[in-house]
Protein backbone atom coordinates (compact mmCIF):
# COMPACT_ATOMS: atom_id res chain seq x y z
CA MET A 1 -22.76 -13.32 37.37
CA PHE A 2 -21.12 -13.33 33.60
CA ARG A 3 -24.99 -12.54 33.09
CA ARG A 4 -25.46 -9.89 35.19
CA GLU A 5 -21.98 -7.99 35.00
CA ILE A 6 -22.48 -6.88 31.04
CA PRO A 7 -25.97 -5.62 31.85
CA LEU A 8 -25.17 -3.08 34.01
CA ALA A 9 -22.04 -2.14 32.13
CA TRP A 10 -24.52 -1.52 29.09
CA LEU A 11 -26.91 -0.04 30.95
CA GLN A 12 -24.24 2.59 32.32
CA LEU A 13 -23.31 3.31 29.15
CA ILE A 14 -26.47 4.16 27.89
CA ARG A 15 -27.76 5.86 30.53
CA ARG A 16 -26.29 9.27 29.36
CA LYS A 17 -27.49 8.69 25.49
CA GLY A 18 -25.51 11.71 23.87
CA ARG A 19 -22.46 10.74 25.84
CA PHE A 20 -22.49 7.21 24.66
CA LEU A 21 -23.30 8.22 20.91
CA THR A 22 -21.01 10.82 21.61
CA ALA A 23 -17.67 7.90 22.60
CA ILE A 24 -19.12 5.87 19.41
CA ALA A 25 -18.84 8.87 16.81
CA GLY A 26 -15.16 9.58 18.72
CA ILE A 27 -14.02 6.13 18.42
CA ALA A 28 -15.70 5.58 14.86
CA PHE A 29 -13.65 8.96 13.93
CA ALA A 30 -9.99 7.24 15.01
CA ASN A 31 -11.08 4.13 13.85
CA ILE A 32 -11.84 5.46 10.12
CA LEU A 33 -8.24 7.57 10.52
CA ILE A 34 -6.35 4.40 10.95
CA LEU A 35 -8.12 2.68 8.39
CA MET A 36 -6.96 5.23 6.30
CA GLN A 37 -3.51 5.82 7.05
CA LEU A 38 -2.91 2.31 6.90
CA GLY A 39 -5.22 2.07 3.59
CA PHE A 40 -2.97 4.57 2.15
CA GLN A 41 -0.11 2.81 3.13
CA ASN A 42 -0.51 -0.47 1.97
CA ALA A 43 -1.75 1.50 -1.43
CA LEU A 44 1.87 3.05 -1.76
CA TYR A 45 3.88 -0.08 -1.13
CA ASP A 46 1.42 -2.26 -3.50
CA SER A 47 1.02 0.40 -6.31
CA ASN A 48 4.96 0.53 -6.37
CA THR A 49 5.21 -2.76 -6.56
CA ARG A 50 2.82 -3.24 -9.36
CA LEU A 51 5.47 -3.75 -12.40
CA HIS A 52 7.67 -5.59 -9.78
CA ASN A 53 5.17 -8.24 -9.51
CA ARG A 54 4.73 -8.83 -13.00
CA LEU A 55 8.36 -9.01 -13.99
CA ASN A 56 8.83 -11.96 -16.50
CA THR A 57 12.21 -13.28 -14.41
CA ASP A 58 13.80 -15.09 -12.01
CA LEU A 59 16.80 -12.67 -11.03
CA VAL A 60 17.27 -9.00 -11.29
CA MET A 61 20.59 -7.27 -11.48
CA LEU A 62 20.74 -3.57 -11.27
CA ASN A 63 23.54 -0.65 -10.63
CA PRO A 64 23.69 -1.05 -7.19
CA THR A 65 23.07 2.81 -6.38
CA ALA A 66 19.80 2.28 -7.83
CA GLN A 67 16.84 3.66 -5.43
CA ASN A 68 13.91 2.39 -6.59
CA LEU A 69 12.47 1.95 -10.09
CA SER A 70 11.82 5.78 -10.88
CA ASN A 71 15.68 6.42 -10.12
CA LEU A 72 17.56 3.59 -11.72
CA ASN A 73 21.08 4.09 -12.35
CA THR A 74 22.17 2.09 -15.82
CA PHE A 75 25.09 -0.23 -15.45
CA PRO A 76 26.83 -2.05 -18.60
CA ARG A 77 24.91 -4.07 -20.49
CA ARG A 78 27.69 -6.20 -20.99
CA ARG A 79 27.33 -7.71 -17.22
CA LEU A 80 24.38 -9.90 -18.86
CA PHE A 81 26.31 -11.29 -21.34
CA GLN A 82 28.63 -12.51 -18.77
CA ALA A 83 26.05 -13.87 -16.64
CA GLU A 84 24.96 -16.03 -19.83
CA ASN A 85 27.90 -18.13 -18.99
CA PHE A 86 26.22 -19.50 -15.92
CA SER A 87 25.36 -22.94 -16.30
CA GLN A 88 21.95 -22.26 -14.67
CA VAL A 89 21.12 -19.40 -16.60
CA ILE A 90 18.77 -19.87 -19.63
CA SER A 91 18.83 -16.35 -21.15
CA THR A 92 19.41 -12.38 -20.04
CA ALA A 93 17.27 -9.23 -21.12
CA PRO A 94 17.76 -6.14 -20.75
CA LEU A 95 14.55 -3.29 -19.46
CA TYR A 96 15.08 0.58 -19.91
CA ALA A 97 13.32 2.51 -17.66
CA SER A 98 12.46 6.25 -17.56
CA ILE A 99 10.09 8.88 -16.20
CA ALA A 100 9.05 11.54 -18.46
CA PHE A 101 6.29 13.69 -19.25
CA TRP A 102 3.84 13.07 -21.80
CA LYS A 103 0.57 14.88 -23.52
CA ASN A 104 -2.20 13.22 -22.43
CA PRO A 105 -3.97 11.77 -25.88
CA GLN A 106 -7.25 13.02 -24.60
CA THR A 107 -5.80 16.35 -23.00
CA ARG A 108 -3.15 17.04 -24.09
CA LYS A 109 -2.25 18.09 -20.69
CA ASP A 110 1.15 17.30 -19.47
CA THR A 111 1.70 14.38 -16.89
CA SER A 112 4.27 12.26 -15.80
CA ILE A 113 4.21 8.35 -16.91
CA ILE A 114 6.90 5.80 -16.58
CA VAL A 115 8.64 4.61 -19.78
CA LEU A 116 9.93 1.24 -20.34
CA GLY A 117 11.46 -0.68 -22.75
CA PHE A 118 12.34 -4.53 -24.07
CA ASP A 119 12.55 -6.75 -26.37
CA PRO A 120 9.16 -7.39 -27.92
CA LEU A 121 10.24 -11.00 -28.56
CA ARG A 122 10.80 -11.62 -25.16
CA PRO A 123 8.21 -9.64 -23.42
CA ALA A 124 9.59 -8.59 -19.96
CA PHE A 125 6.40 -8.62 -18.17
CA ASP A 126 4.17 -11.31 -17.94
CA LEU A 127 1.09 -9.41 -19.10
CA PRO A 128 -1.45 -11.76 -21.35
CA GLU A 129 -2.24 -8.42 -23.35
CA LEU A 130 2.18 -8.12 -24.35
CA PRO A 131 2.17 -11.68 -26.56
CA LEU A 132 -0.88 -10.71 -28.92
CA ASN A 133 0.91 -7.05 -29.09
CA ALA A 134 4.54 -8.04 -29.75
CA SER A 135 4.04 -6.80 -32.89
CA LYS A 136 2.45 -3.62 -32.76
CA ILE A 137 5.51 -2.41 -30.94
CA LEU A 138 8.10 -3.89 -33.18
CA PHE A 139 7.19 -0.60 -36.21
CA PRO A 140 8.74 2.47 -35.17
CA ASP A 141 7.55 5.10 -32.43
CA THR A 142 4.36 3.10 -31.03
CA LEU A 143 3.31 2.39 -27.81
CA LEU A 144 1.14 -0.01 -25.57
CA PHE A 145 -0.73 2.63 -22.43
CA ASP A 146 -2.28 1.08 -19.19
CA ARG A 147 -5.38 1.02 -18.98
CA GLU A 148 -5.46 1.76 -15.58
CA SER A 149 -3.99 4.56 -15.77
CA ARG A 150 -4.66 7.47 -13.59
CA GLY A 151 -6.36 10.47 -15.21
CA ASP A 152 -8.69 11.70 -18.11
CA TYR A 153 -8.40 8.22 -20.68
CA GLY A 154 -11.50 7.14 -21.01
CA GLU A 155 -12.04 8.73 -24.61
CA ALA A 156 -8.29 7.68 -25.60
CA ILE A 157 -8.86 3.88 -23.92
CA ALA A 158 -11.91 3.91 -26.11
CA GLN A 159 -10.81 4.76 -29.45
CA ILE A 160 -7.90 2.32 -29.45
CA ASP A 161 -9.76 -0.22 -28.27
CA GLU A 162 -12.11 0.31 -31.69
CA GLY A 163 -8.32 0.51 -33.39
CA GLN A 164 -8.48 4.48 -34.14
CA ARG A 165 -5.31 5.91 -34.49
CA VAL A 166 -4.37 7.84 -31.23
CA THR A 167 -1.80 9.94 -30.86
CA THR A 168 0.88 11.71 -27.83
CA GLU A 169 4.39 13.24 -27.71
CA ILE A 170 6.97 12.11 -25.40
CA LEU A 171 10.15 14.79 -25.24
CA GLY A 172 8.52 16.32 -28.47
CA ARG A 173 8.50 13.08 -30.09
CA GLN A 174 4.95 12.26 -31.63
CA LEU A 175 3.77 8.56 -30.78
CA VAL A 176 1.25 6.60 -31.75
CA LEU A 177 -0.80 4.32 -29.00
CA GLY A 178 -1.30 0.26 -30.80
CA GLY A 179 -2.82 -1.01 -27.63
CA LEU A 180 -3.95 -1.45 -24.39
CA TYR A 181 -2.92 -3.83 -21.03
CA GLU A 182 -3.55 -3.29 -17.38
CA VAL A 183 -1.62 -2.65 -14.28
CA GLY A 184 -2.43 0.45 -12.21
CA ALA A 185 -1.17 3.71 -11.36
CA SER A 186 1.30 4.42 -8.24
CA PHE A 187 2.48 6.83 -6.39
CA VAL A 188 5.50 7.60 -8.50
CA ALA A 189 3.63 8.45 -11.71
CA ASP A 190 -0.06 8.57 -13.09
CA GLY A 191 1.04 5.15 -15.58
CA SER A 192 2.98 3.76 -17.43
CA VAL A 193 3.57 2.80 -21.18
CA MET A 194 5.73 -0.08 -22.50
CA THR A 195 7.49 -0.23 -26.20
CA SER A 196 10.04 -1.88 -27.57
CA ASP A 197 14.06 -1.67 -27.15
CA GLN A 198 14.51 0.19 -30.39
CA ASN A 199 11.48 2.55 -29.30
CA PHE A 200 13.17 3.56 -26.13
CA LEU A 201 16.04 4.31 -27.80
CA ARG A 202 14.81 6.60 -29.98
CA ILE A 203 12.21 8.86 -27.85
CA PHE A 204 15.68 8.84 -25.03
CA SER A 205 18.29 10.18 -27.63
CA ASP A 206 20.83 10.47 -24.89
CA ARG A 207 21.08 7.48 -23.78
CA GLN A 208 22.84 4.58 -25.45
CA ALA A 209 21.87 0.39 -25.83
CA GLY A 210 24.70 -0.31 -23.39
CA GLU A 211 22.94 1.79 -20.73
CA VAL A 212 20.33 -1.03 -18.82
CA SER A 213 18.35 -0.12 -16.18
CA VAL A 214 17.59 -3.06 -14.95
CA GLY A 215 18.56 -6.80 -16.20
CA LEU A 216 16.08 -9.60 -16.37
CA ILE A 217 17.83 -13.71 -15.47
CA ARG A 218 15.73 -16.66 -16.36
CA LEU A 219 16.55 -19.49 -15.16
CA LYS A 220 16.63 -23.20 -15.96
CA PRO A 221 13.47 -24.89 -13.85
CA GLY A 222 14.58 -26.69 -10.69
CA SER A 223 17.25 -24.72 -10.48
CA ASP A 224 17.97 -23.37 -6.96
CA VAL A 225 17.58 -19.65 -7.62
CA ASN A 226 18.90 -18.15 -3.91
CA ALA A 227 22.09 -19.90 -4.78
CA THR A 228 22.74 -18.80 -8.60
CA ALA A 229 22.07 -15.56 -7.41
CA ASN A 230 24.87 -15.71 -4.83
CA LEU A 231 27.19 -17.46 -7.11
CA ILE A 232 26.88 -14.93 -9.67
CA ARG A 233 27.11 -12.22 -6.78
CA GLN A 234 30.62 -13.92 -6.48
CA ASN A 235 31.65 -13.75 -9.64
CA LEU A 236 30.81 -10.54 -11.58
CA PRO A 237 32.26 -7.20 -10.55
CA ASP A 238 30.55 -5.21 -8.02
CA ASP A 239 29.22 -2.75 -10.26
CA ILE A 240 26.00 -4.90 -10.34
CA THR A 241 24.07 -6.56 -8.11
CA ILE A 242 21.71 -9.05 -8.23
CA MET A 243 18.50 -9.77 -6.12
CA THR A 244 15.97 -12.06 -6.84
CA ARG A 245 12.32 -10.79 -7.74
CA GLN A 246 10.51 -10.91 -4.53
CA GLU A 247 13.78 -9.30 -3.28
CA PHE A 248 13.26 -6.60 -5.84
CA ILE A 249 9.88 -6.11 -4.86
CA ASP A 250 11.21 -6.19 -1.05
CA PHE A 251 13.83 -3.64 -2.38
CA GLU A 252 10.70 -0.93 -3.57
CA ALA A 253 8.93 -1.26 -0.70
CA ASP A 254 11.81 -0.55 1.68
CA TYR A 255 12.57 1.98 -0.26
CA TRP A 256 8.83 3.83 0.18
CA ARG A 257 8.91 2.57 3.90
CA ASN A 258 12.59 3.93 5.01
CA SER A 259 14.14 6.44 2.68
CA THR A 260 10.80 8.97 2.00
CA SER A 261 8.73 10.66 4.22
CA ILE A 262 5.70 9.68 2.86
CA GLY A 263 5.62 6.73 4.34
CA PHE A 264 6.28 8.09 7.82
CA ILE A 265 3.90 9.86 7.82
CA PHE A 266 0.94 7.19 7.10
CA SER A 267 2.67 5.70 9.88
CA LEU A 268 2.67 8.70 12.20
CA GLY A 269 -1.39 9.26 10.96
CA VAL A 270 -1.71 5.33 12.97
CA VAL A 271 0.15 6.91 15.82
CA MET A 272 -2.50 9.50 16.08
CA GLY A 273 -5.71 8.36 15.34
CA PHE A 274 -4.53 5.99 18.03
CA VAL A 275 -4.02 8.71 20.77
CA VAL A 276 -6.90 10.20 19.43
CA GLY A 277 -9.53 7.37 20.37
CA VAL A 278 -7.54 6.36 23.94
CA ILE A 279 -8.00 9.82 25.28
CA ILE A 280 -11.72 10.01 23.92
CA VAL A 281 -12.45 6.50 25.39
CA TYR A 282 -10.74 7.31 28.71
CA GLN A 283 -12.70 11.22 28.62
CA ILE A 284 -16.15 8.81 28.55
CA LEU A 285 -15.29 5.92 30.95
CA TYR A 286 -13.53 9.11 33.76
CA SER A 287 -16.62 10.81 33.39
CA ASP A 288 -18.87 7.44 33.44
CA VAL A 289 -16.70 6.36 36.94
CA SER A 290 -16.61 9.62 38.46
CA ASP A 291 -20.72 10.20 37.90
CA HIS A 292 -21.34 6.52 39.45
CA LEU A 293 -18.60 6.43 41.92
CA PRO A 294 -21.34 6.49 45.25
CA GLU A 295 -22.97 3.19 43.50
CA TYR A 296 -19.95 1.83 43.10
CA ALA A 297 -19.19 2.27 47.25
CA THR A 298 -22.17 0.99 47.91
CA LEU A 299 -21.37 -2.00 46.11
CA LYS A 300 -18.30 -2.22 48.03
CA ALA A 301 -20.21 -1.83 50.74
CA MET A 302 -22.18 -4.77 49.81
CA GLY A 303 -19.82 -6.91 49.57
CA TYR A 304 -18.12 -6.85 46.01
CA HIS A 305 -14.30 -6.60 45.26
CA ASN A 306 -12.82 -4.44 43.27
CA GLY A 307 -12.15 -7.06 40.68
CA TYR A 308 -16.39 -7.07 40.41
CA LEU A 309 -15.82 -2.92 39.54
CA LEU A 310 -12.72 -3.23 37.93
CA SER A 311 -14.59 -6.03 35.38
CA VAL A 312 -17.40 -3.51 34.60
CA VAL A 313 -15.26 -0.78 33.34
CA SER A 314 -13.67 -3.33 31.33
CA GLN A 315 -16.34 -4.87 29.90
CA GLU A 316 -17.49 -1.24 29.20
CA ALA A 317 -14.30 -0.29 27.24
CA PHE A 318 -14.87 -3.51 25.16
CA ILE A 319 -18.64 -2.58 24.26
CA LEU A 320 -17.34 0.78 23.64
CA ALA A 321 -14.39 -1.03 20.91
CA VAL A 322 -17.27 -2.97 18.90
CA SER A 323 -19.92 -0.13 18.88
CA GLY A 324 -17.05 2.83 17.31
CA TYR A 325 -15.47 -0.04 15.28
CA ILE A 326 -18.57 -1.11 13.59
CA PRO A 327 -19.75 2.52 11.93
CA GLY A 328 -15.97 3.18 11.36
CA TYR A 329 -15.32 -0.03 9.32
CA LEU A 330 -18.30 0.90 7.72
CA ILE A 331 -17.57 4.53 6.79
CA SER A 332 -13.89 3.65 5.52
CA SER A 333 -15.03 0.94 3.08
CA PHE A 334 -17.41 3.17 1.61
CA LEU A 335 -14.12 5.86 1.56
CA TYR A 336 -11.71 3.24 0.22
CA ASP A 337 -14.06 2.19 -2.41
CA LEU A 338 -14.39 6.19 -3.57
CA THR A 339 -10.85 6.55 -3.10
CA ARG A 340 -9.91 3.45 -5.30
CA ASN A 341 -12.40 4.38 -7.90
CA ALA A 342 -10.91 7.96 -8.44
CA THR A 343 -7.32 7.39 -8.45
CA ASN A 344 -6.97 3.71 -9.74
CA LEU A 345 -4.81 2.81 -6.23
CA PRO A 346 -5.11 0.04 -5.15
CA LEU A 347 -7.10 0.60 -1.90
CA LEU A 348 -7.87 -2.54 -0.55
CA MET A 349 -9.89 -3.61 2.82
CA THR A 350 -8.09 -6.48 3.49
CA SER A 351 -9.18 -8.89 6.07
CA GLN A 352 -5.79 -9.09 7.48
CA LEU A 353 -5.67 -4.83 7.77
CA SER A 354 -9.75 -4.96 9.46
CA LEU A 355 -8.31 -7.58 12.21
CA PHE A 356 -5.70 -5.04 12.68
CA THR A 357 -7.63 -2.41 13.25
CA LEU A 358 -9.77 -4.29 15.30
CA PHE A 359 -7.11 -5.16 17.99
CA LEU A 360 -5.87 -1.73 17.68
CA THR A 361 -9.23 -0.40 19.03
CA ILE A 362 -9.58 -3.44 21.48
CA LEU A 363 -6.75 -2.07 22.68
CA MET A 364 -6.80 1.43 23.08
CA CYS A 365 -10.26 1.58 24.82
CA ALA A 366 -8.90 -1.12 26.94
CA ILE A 367 -5.81 0.88 27.42
CA SER A 368 -8.52 4.19 28.53
CA GLY A 369 -10.16 1.93 30.83
CA ALA A 370 -7.52 0.80 32.72
CA VAL A 371 -6.29 4.57 33.25
CA ALA A 372 -10.30 5.19 33.92
CA MET A 373 -10.05 2.71 36.57
CA ARG A 374 -7.71 4.21 38.84
CA LYS A 375 -10.18 6.25 40.39
CA LEU A 376 -12.13 3.40 41.39
CA ARG A 377 -9.71 3.54 43.93
CA SER A 378 -11.83 6.60 45.39
CA ALA A 379 -14.69 4.92 45.79
CA ASP A 380 -14.47 4.33 49.76
CA PRO A 381 -17.94 3.68 51.31
CA ALA A 382 -17.00 5.41 54.24
CA ASP A 383 -17.72 8.27 52.15
CA ILE A 384 -21.14 7.15 51.87
CA PHE A 385 -22.43 6.11 55.68
């Protein structure tokens, strides 16, 4: 029975090849829309937590009013000194962060950049390039530049690699790019630069050393991270908040997911793609059922039950889902590569993303098929004979 049913569903679909190809194109379009929106949404969260994932710390201290890495109110540095009194803590270190406009060293155009300052002898980020370049940012007005920043930097990066002097400006102060590291761009800024805490305070002259953006707390090996976080929370004033590194990553992602319009827009795009797919498949299946209504009525007269007829429509919906998903997936993969190369955003076609989209595609075709099946109720043999 199963081998007979599949050819019938397939033959009905390809009987009108133009309609079948139109259906595949429509489903592929819906898939592209869903995959691109989901890809941009994941890139939004991943790109804005790249630096968080590289933090060389166990616990993070923040001002309770902090919203995200680009909008961090400061807290008193003495809170870090107080945290060092806990037996589980090895060391603490301040991290200074601020968004600024700098002159692209290659084009001399102003663009946004994240400036990060820390003690070069205790790198704030777990990057292989930092220990190698720590001595460079000990020199006044010297920065390290993210080679994966978005924009026209190819020539400047090549010059830095060759050891040539490359200069830029931030807030009217001339600075030297003395080395490179690799992290990547985000939705907040085109990239980042890192320097010593002293250089940071020279650039942002209105900041005081006691005004810390992020506090980094390293614990002794084997310490219970969550228990220590709770202990510090309970014993320090409420003008700071303590998070684990993973909580800090989730904190940033939640900000973009729930507190900004861009996260909502991407989610809405996924819903709209799903709705478009449901409508397209419904129109195709409804038209197909209507065209073959006399044949369905004849099958009923021959003794076939409604269950068999409904299974044929269900199989048509499944065939449409798979047939439309394949070109949609391939085109989206090409667009992912194109966008990633143009923006340096982490737009990746993961197996989880592709399987989730396939599930949505099968679901939208199943919903369309379920609605179109109502037409089969009117397939009455009495209307034929």
